[in-house]
Amino acid sequence: MRIGFIISLVLFAGLLNAQTEAIYFKADSLFTFKDSRDGKSYMAFEINGVAWMGENLRHKTSESWCYEDKKANCEEYGRMYNWQEAQTACPKGWHIPTRVEWDSLITWLGGDRKAGYSLAYSDSLGFNIKFGYPPNVNGRYSDSNVQASYWTSDENSASTAWVYYFIKQKLPYAYTNFFSKIMV
């Protein structure tokens, strides 16, 4: 089973709380793969027989875009996708994780009160959270380097879907909530 990550939205400003101890875990294996659609290479890792993309997807789709509409931001942070677009953006053989898959990963990493550091800073795990900054409801971009959020494939309702997110100043916590499917 292969799971892809799609960055969806990023909010809130702050600094890393250096007083919290980090607990790092080691992936069963680290590897790279190439997206056959555009030739872009990605880091990935495997835990308990499940492969996870270790970085944000950069594949251009008809409805995706870059932070501040700058191409360099797509290379740095990955592309932005609404929920519907995210469901079809993954490379062949990969998919957006379900809530159950996310919960399994977070539990393996020590639970929602510990998993954030390993996902953000552990070279041995192979995941690389890129804290970024999305446009707010007024179309202006918020401060950079503050939050990373990832869609799940699970809907909460016809208009909302579940998201897992990490706030840099509140690490090591991992959060989940539902957001409008048109949010990114």
C-alpha atoms as a PDB file:
ATOM      1  CA  MET A   1       0.000   0.000   0.000  1.00  0.00           C
ATOM      2  CA  ARG A   2       1.406   3.416  -0.941  1.00  0.00           C
ATOM      3  CA  ILE A   3       0.210   6.681   0.511  1.00  0.00           C
ATOM      4  CA  GLY A   4       0.758  10.146  -0.968  1.00  0.00           C
ATOM      5  CA  PHE A   5       0.749  13.479   0.802  1.00  0.00           C
ATOM      6  CA  ILE A   6      -1.037  16.524  -0.457  1.00  0.00           C
ATOM      7  CA  ILE A   7      -0.521  19.771   1.394  1.00  0.00           C
ATOM      8  CA  SER A   8      -3.836  21.500   1.850  1.00  0.00           C
ATOM      9  CA  LEU A   9      -3.667  24.546   4.065  1.00  0.00           C
ATOM     10  CA  VAL A  10      -1.340  26.270   6.449  1.00  0.00           C
ATOM     11  CA  LEU A  11      -2.337  28.751   9.170  1.00  0.00           C
ATOM     12  CA  PHE A  12      -1.168  30.381  12.440  1.00  0.00           C
ATOM     13  CA  ALA A  13       2.198  31.988  13.229  1.00  0.00           C
ATOM     14  CA  GLY A  14       4.770  31.020  15.835  1.00  0.00           C
ATOM     15  CA  LEU A  15       8.122  29.598  16.786  1.00  0.00           C
ATOM     16  CA  LEU A  16       9.195  26.069  17.676  1.00  0.00           C
ATOM     17  CA  ASN A  17       8.954  25.296  21.384  1.00  0.00           C
ATOM     18  CA  ALA A  18      12.515  24.103  22.027  1.00  0.00           C
ATOM     19  CA  GLN A  19      11.695  22.935  25.563  1.00  0.00           C
ATOM     20  CA  THR A  20       9.811  19.831  24.384  1.00  0.00           C
ATOM     21  CA  GLU A  21      11.912  16.697  23.979  1.00  0.00           C
ATOM     22  CA  ALA A  22      11.877  15.062  20.593  1.00  0.00           C
ATOM     23  CA  ILE A  23      11.416  11.328  20.200  1.00  0.00           C
ATOM     24  CA  TYR A  24      12.616   9.989  16.877  1.00  0.00           C
ATOM     25  CA  PHE A  25      11.685   6.731  15.208  1.00  0.00           C
ATOM     26  CA  LYS A  26      13.385   4.865  12.401  1.00  0.00           C
ATOM     27  CA  ALA A  27      11.539   3.778   9.265  1.00  0.00           C
ATOM     28  CA  ASP A  28      11.806   0.155   8.147  1.00  0.00           C
ATOM     29  CA  SER A  29      13.223   1.460   4.861  1.00  0.00           C
ATOM     30  CA  LEU A  30      13.860   4.733   3.028  1.00  0.00           C
ATOM     31  CA  PHE A  31      13.692   4.982  -0.751  1.00  0.00           C
ATOM     32  CA  THR A  32      13.089   7.366  -3.625  1.00  0.00           C
ATOM     33  CA  PHE A  33      10.660   6.945  -6.493  1.00  0.00           C
ATOM     34  CA  LYS A  34      10.014   8.825  -9.710  1.00  0.00           C
ATOM     35  CA  ASP A  35       6.548  10.015 -10.774  1.00  0.00           C
ATOM     36  CA  SER A  36       6.159   8.669 -14.319  1.00  0.00           C
ATOM     37  CA  ARG A  37       3.824  11.552 -15.246  1.00  0.00           C
ATOM     38  CA  ASP A  38       6.381  14.332 -14.913  1.00  0.00           C
ATOM     39  CA  GLY A  39       9.688  12.693 -13.931  1.00  0.00           C
ATOM     40  CA  LYS A  40       9.824  14.330 -10.473  1.00  0.00           C
ATOM     41  CA  SER A  41      11.545  12.259  -7.771  1.00  0.00           C
ATOM     42  CA  TYR A  42      10.291  11.940  -4.188  1.00  0.00           C
ATOM     43  CA  MET A  43      11.654  10.585  -0.920  1.00  0.00           C
ATOM     44  CA  ALA A  44       9.508   7.894   0.683  1.00  0.00           C
ATOM     45  CA  PHE A  45       9.619   5.579   3.672  1.00  0.00           C
ATOM     46  CA  GLU A  46       8.047   2.313   4.736  1.00  0.00           C
ATOM     47  CA  ILE A  47       6.683   1.422   8.161  1.00  0.00           C
ATOM     48  CA  ASN A  48       4.968  -1.869   8.955  1.00  0.00           C
ATOM     49  CA  GLY A  49       4.562  -2.715   5.268  1.00  0.00           C
ATOM     50  CA  VAL A  50       3.007   0.647   4.349  1.00  0.00           C
ATOM     51  CA  ALA A  51       4.883   3.072   2.072  1.00  0.00           C
ATOM     52  CA  TRP A  52       4.440   6.809   2.715  1.00  0.00           C
ATOM     53  CA  MET A  53       5.592   9.731   0.603  1.00  0.00           C
ATOM     54  CA  GLY A  54       8.111  11.681   2.624  1.00  0.00           C
ATOM     55  CA  GLU A  55       7.499  15.032   0.981  1.00  0.00           C
ATOM     56  CA  ASN A  56       4.728  17.091  -0.563  1.00  0.00           C
ATOM     57  CA  LEU A  57       3.508  16.303  -4.056  1.00  0.00           C
ATOM     58  CA  ARG A  58       4.616  18.725  -6.798  1.00  0.00           C
ATOM     59  CA  HIS A  59       2.572  17.336  -9.700  1.00  0.00           C
ATOM     60  CA  LYS A  60       0.708  20.041 -11.613  1.00  0.00           C
ATOM     61  CA  THR A  61      -3.010  19.416 -12.138  1.00  0.00           C
ATOM     62  CA  SER A  62      -5.620  21.683 -13.710  1.00  0.00           C
ATOM     63  CA  GLU A  63      -6.779  23.004 -10.327  1.00  0.00           C
ATOM     64  CA  SER A  64      -3.496  23.091  -8.348  1.00  0.00           C
ATOM     65  CA  TRP A  65      -1.307  26.116  -7.743  1.00  0.00           C
ATOM     66  CA  CYS A  66       1.803  27.406  -5.934  1.00  0.00           C
ATOM     67  CA  TYR A  67       2.017  29.625  -2.849  1.00  0.00           C
ATOM     68  CA  GLU A  68       1.795  33.248  -3.990  1.00  0.00           C
ATOM     69  CA  ASP A  69       1.576  31.840  -7.537  1.00  0.00           C
ATOM     70  CA  LYS A  70       5.397  31.548  -7.637  1.00  0.00           C
ATOM     71  CA  LYS A  71       6.899  28.479  -9.336  1.00  0.00           C
ATOM     72  CA  ALA A  72       9.809  28.394  -6.844  1.00  0.00           C
ATOM     73  CA  ASN A  73       7.282  27.892  -4.036  1.00  0.00           C
ATOM     74  CA  CYS A  74       5.964  24.752  -5.764  1.00  0.00           C
ATOM     75  CA  GLU A  75       9.466  23.304  -5.699  1.00  0.00           C
ATOM     76  CA  GLU A  76       9.947  24.279  -2.039  1.00  0.00           C
ATOM     77  CA  TYR A  77       6.514  23.427  -0.573  1.00  0.00           C
ATOM     78  CA  GLY A  78       4.724  21.283  -3.155  1.00  0.00           C
ATOM     79  CA  ARG A  79       1.540  22.282  -4.953  1.00  0.00           C
ATOM     80  CA  MET A  80      -1.735  23.305  -3.313  1.00  0.00           C
ATOM     81  CA  TYR A  81      -4.863  21.204  -4.024  1.00  0.00           C
ATOM     82  CA  ASN A  82      -8.480  21.428  -2.956  1.00  0.00           C
ATOM     83  CA  TRP A  83      -9.913  18.157  -1.584  1.00  0.00           C
ATOM     84  CA  GLN A  84     -11.495  16.986  -4.836  1.00  0.00           C
ATOM     85  CA  GLU A  85      -8.329  17.616  -6.855  1.00  0.00           C
ATOM     86  CA  ALA A  86      -6.185  15.952  -4.200  1.00  0.00           C
ATOM     87  CA  GLN A  87      -8.108  12.697  -4.592  1.00  0.00           C
ATOM     88  CA  THR A  88      -6.790  12.253  -8.143  1.00  0.00           C
ATOM     89  CA  ALA A  89      -3.383  13.973  -7.931  1.00  0.00           C
ATOM     90  CA  CYS A  90      -1.284  11.075  -6.572  1.00  0.00           C
ATOM     91  CA  PRO A  91       0.991   9.037  -8.846  1.00  0.00           C
ATOM     92  CA  LYS A  92      -0.203   5.630 -10.051  1.00  0.00           C
ATOM     93  CA  GLY A  93      -0.171   3.132  -7.179  1.00  0.00           C
ATOM     94  CA  TRP A  94      -0.399   5.845  -4.495  1.00  0.00           C
ATOM     95  CA  HIS A  95      -3.413   7.362  -2.712  1.00  0.00           C
ATOM     96  CA  ILE A  96      -4.349  10.011  -0.155  1.00  0.00           C
ATOM     97  CA  PRO A  97      -4.267   8.394   3.310  1.00  0.00           C
ATOM     98  CA  THR A  98      -7.458   7.574   5.187  1.00  0.00           C
ATOM     99  CA  ARG A  99      -8.005   8.641   8.779  1.00  0.00           C
ATOM    100  CA  VAL A 100      -7.312   5.049   9.843  1.00  0.00           C
ATOM    101  CA  GLU A 101      -3.948   5.119   8.017  1.00  0.00           C
ATOM    102  CA  TRP A 102      -3.003   8.470   9.567  1.00  0.00           C
ATOM    103  CA  ASP A 103      -4.060   7.273  13.028  1.00  0.00           C
ATOM    104  CA  SER A 104      -1.968   4.124  12.618  1.00  0.00           C
ATOM    105  CA  LEU A 105       1.129   6.164  11.694  1.00  0.00           C
ATOM    106  CA  ILE A 106       0.596   8.646  14.540  1.00  0.00           C
ATOM    107  CA  THR A 107       0.045   5.817  17.050  1.00  0.00           C
ATOM    108  CA  TRP A 108       3.254   4.121  15.873  1.00  0.00           C
ATOM    109  CA  LEU A 109       5.077   7.432  16.451  1.00  0.00           C
ATOM    110  CA  GLY A 110       3.893   7.670  20.068  1.00  0.00           C
ATOM    111  CA  GLY A 111       0.443   9.223  19.684  1.00  0.00           C
ATOM    112  CA  ASP A 112      -0.920  12.664  18.861  1.00  0.00           C
ATOM    113  CA  ARG A 113       1.045  14.293  21.689  1.00  0.00           C
ATOM    114  CA  LYS A 114       4.422  13.059  20.383  1.00  0.00           C
ATOM    115  CA  ALA A 115       4.263  12.313  16.643  1.00  0.00           C
ATOM    116  CA  GLY A 116       4.892  15.848  15.336  1.00  0.00           C
ATOM    117  CA  TYR A 117       8.621  16.023  16.041  1.00  0.00           C
ATOM    118  CA  SER A 118       9.338  12.728  14.324  1.00  0.00           C
ATOM    119  CA  LEU A 119       7.374  13.789  11.263  1.00  0.00           C
ATOM    120  CA  ALA A 120       8.960  17.244  11.169  1.00  0.00           C
ATOM    121  CA  TYR A 121      12.573  16.605  12.109  1.00  0.00           C
ATOM    122  CA  SER A 122      13.610  12.946  12.015  1.00  0.00           C
ATOM    123  CA  ASP A 123      16.023  12.170   9.168  1.00  0.00           C
ATOM    124  CA  SER A 124      15.769   8.472  10.053  1.00  0.00           C
ATOM    125  CA  LEU A 125      12.017   8.457   9.421  1.00  0.00           C
ATOM    126  CA  GLY A 126      12.169  10.019   5.954  1.00  0.00           C
ATOM    127  CA  PHE A 127       9.228  12.399   6.307  1.00  0.00           C
ATOM    128  CA  ASN A 128       9.872  16.072   5.664  1.00  0.00           C
ATOM    129  CA  ILE A 129       7.128  18.433   6.788  1.00  0.00           C
ATOM    130  CA  LYS A 130       7.458  21.743   4.977  1.00  0.00           C
ATOM    131  CA  PHE A 131       5.794  24.367   7.103  1.00  0.00           C
ATOM    132  CA  GLY A 132       4.293  26.942   4.789  1.00  0.00           C
ATOM    133  CA  TYR A 133       1.689  29.624   4.407  1.00  0.00           C
ATOM    134  CA  PRO A 134      -1.586  29.650   2.455  1.00  0.00           C
ATOM    135  CA  PRO A 135      -3.859  32.462   1.385  1.00  0.00           C
ATOM    136  CA  ASN A 136      -6.460  33.398   3.956  1.00  0.00           C
ATOM    137  CA  VAL A 137     -10.138  33.964   3.173  1.00  0.00           C
ATOM    138  CA  ASN A 138      -9.326  37.453   1.868  1.00  0.00           C
ATOM    139  CA  GLY A 139      -6.783  36.101  -0.630  1.00  0.00           C
ATOM    140  CA  ARG A 140      -3.775  37.479   1.261  1.00  0.00           C
ATOM    141  CA  TYR A 141      -0.984  35.138   2.364  1.00  0.00           C
ATOM    142  CA  SER A 142      -0.272  34.640   6.050  1.00  0.00           C
ATOM    143  CA  ASP A 143       3.175  34.417   7.646  1.00  0.00           C
ATOM    144  CA  SER A 144       5.447  31.689   6.323  1.00  0.00           C
ATOM    145  CA  ASN A 145       6.912  28.679   8.112  1.00  0.00           C
ATOM    146  CA  VAL A 146       4.033  28.079  10.516  1.00  0.00           C
ATOM    147  CA  GLN A 147       1.752  25.117   9.717  1.00  0.00           C
ATOM    148  CA  ALA A 148       1.438  22.117   7.431  1.00  0.00           C
ATOM    149  CA  SER A 149      -1.886  20.407   6.773  1.00  0.00           C
ATOM    150  CA  TYR A 150      -2.701  17.256   4.831  1.00  0.00           C
ATOM    151  CA  TRP A 151      -5.980  16.063   3.355  1.00  0.00           C
ATOM    152  CA  THR A 152      -7.310  12.593   4.091  1.00  0.00           C
ATOM    153  CA  SER A 153      -9.463  10.681   1.640  1.00  0.00           C
ATOM    154  CA  ASP A 154     -12.286  10.653   4.209  1.00  0.00           C
ATOM    155  CA  GLU A 155     -15.231  12.995   3.982  1.00  0.00           C
ATOM    156  CA  ASN A 156     -16.891  14.368   7.088  1.00  0.00           C
ATOM    157  CA  SER A 157     -19.922  15.592   5.133  1.00  0.00           C
ATOM    158  CA  ALA A 158     -20.831  16.532   1.567  1.00  0.00           C
ATOM    159  CA  SER A 159     -18.945  19.823   1.971  1.00  0.00           C
ATOM    160  CA  THR A 160     -16.144  18.943   4.438  1.00  0.00           C
ATOM    161  CA  ALA A 161     -13.280  16.440   4.680  1.00  0.00           C
ATOM    162  CA  TRP A 162     -10.812  15.418   7.378  1.00  0.00           C
ATOM    163  CA  VAL A 163      -7.366  17.022   7.609  1.00  0.00           C
ATOM    164  CA  TYR A 164      -4.307  16.222   9.760  1.00  0.00           C
ATOM    165  CA  TYR A 165      -2.164  19.221  10.585  1.00  0.00           C
ATOM    166  CA  PHE A 166       0.939  20.299  12.466  1.00  0.00           C
ATOM    167  CA  ILE A 167       1.562  23.756  13.943  1.00  0.00           C
ATOM    168  CA  LYS A 168       5.267  24.466  14.262  1.00  0.00           C
ATOM    169  CA  GLN A 169       5.001  26.365  17.557  1.00  0.00           C
ATOM    170  CA  LYS A 170       2.870  23.561  19.049  1.00  0.00           C
ATOM    171  CA  LEU A 171       5.023  20.576  18.123  1.00  0.00           C
ATOM    172  CA  PRO A 172       5.125  17.701  18.998  1.00  0.00           C
ATOM    173  CA  TYR A 173       1.308  17.671  18.749  1.00  0.00           C
ATOM    174  CA  ALA A 174      -0.531  16.267  15.725  1.00  0.00           C
ATOM    175  CA  TYR A 175      -4.057  17.589  15.162  1.00  0.00           C
ATOM    176  CA  THR A 176      -7.074  16.487  13.153  1.00  0.00           C
ATOM    177  CA  ASN A 177     -10.222  18.341  12.194  1.00  0.00           C
ATOM    178  CA  PHE A 178     -12.471  18.755   9.186  1.00  0.00           C
ATOM    179  CA  PHE A 179     -12.345  21.672   6.765  1.00  0.00           C
ATOM    180  CA  SER A 180     -14.318  22.810   3.772  1.00  0.00           C
ATOM    181  CA  LYS A 181     -13.369  20.795   0.700  1.00  0.00           C
ATOM    182  CA  ILE A 182     -12.691  24.013  -1.190  1.00  0.00           C
ATOM    183  CA  MET A 183     -10.065  25.105   1.360  1.00  0.00           C
ATOM    184  CA  VAL A 184      -6.460  24.475   0.484  1.00  0.00           C
END
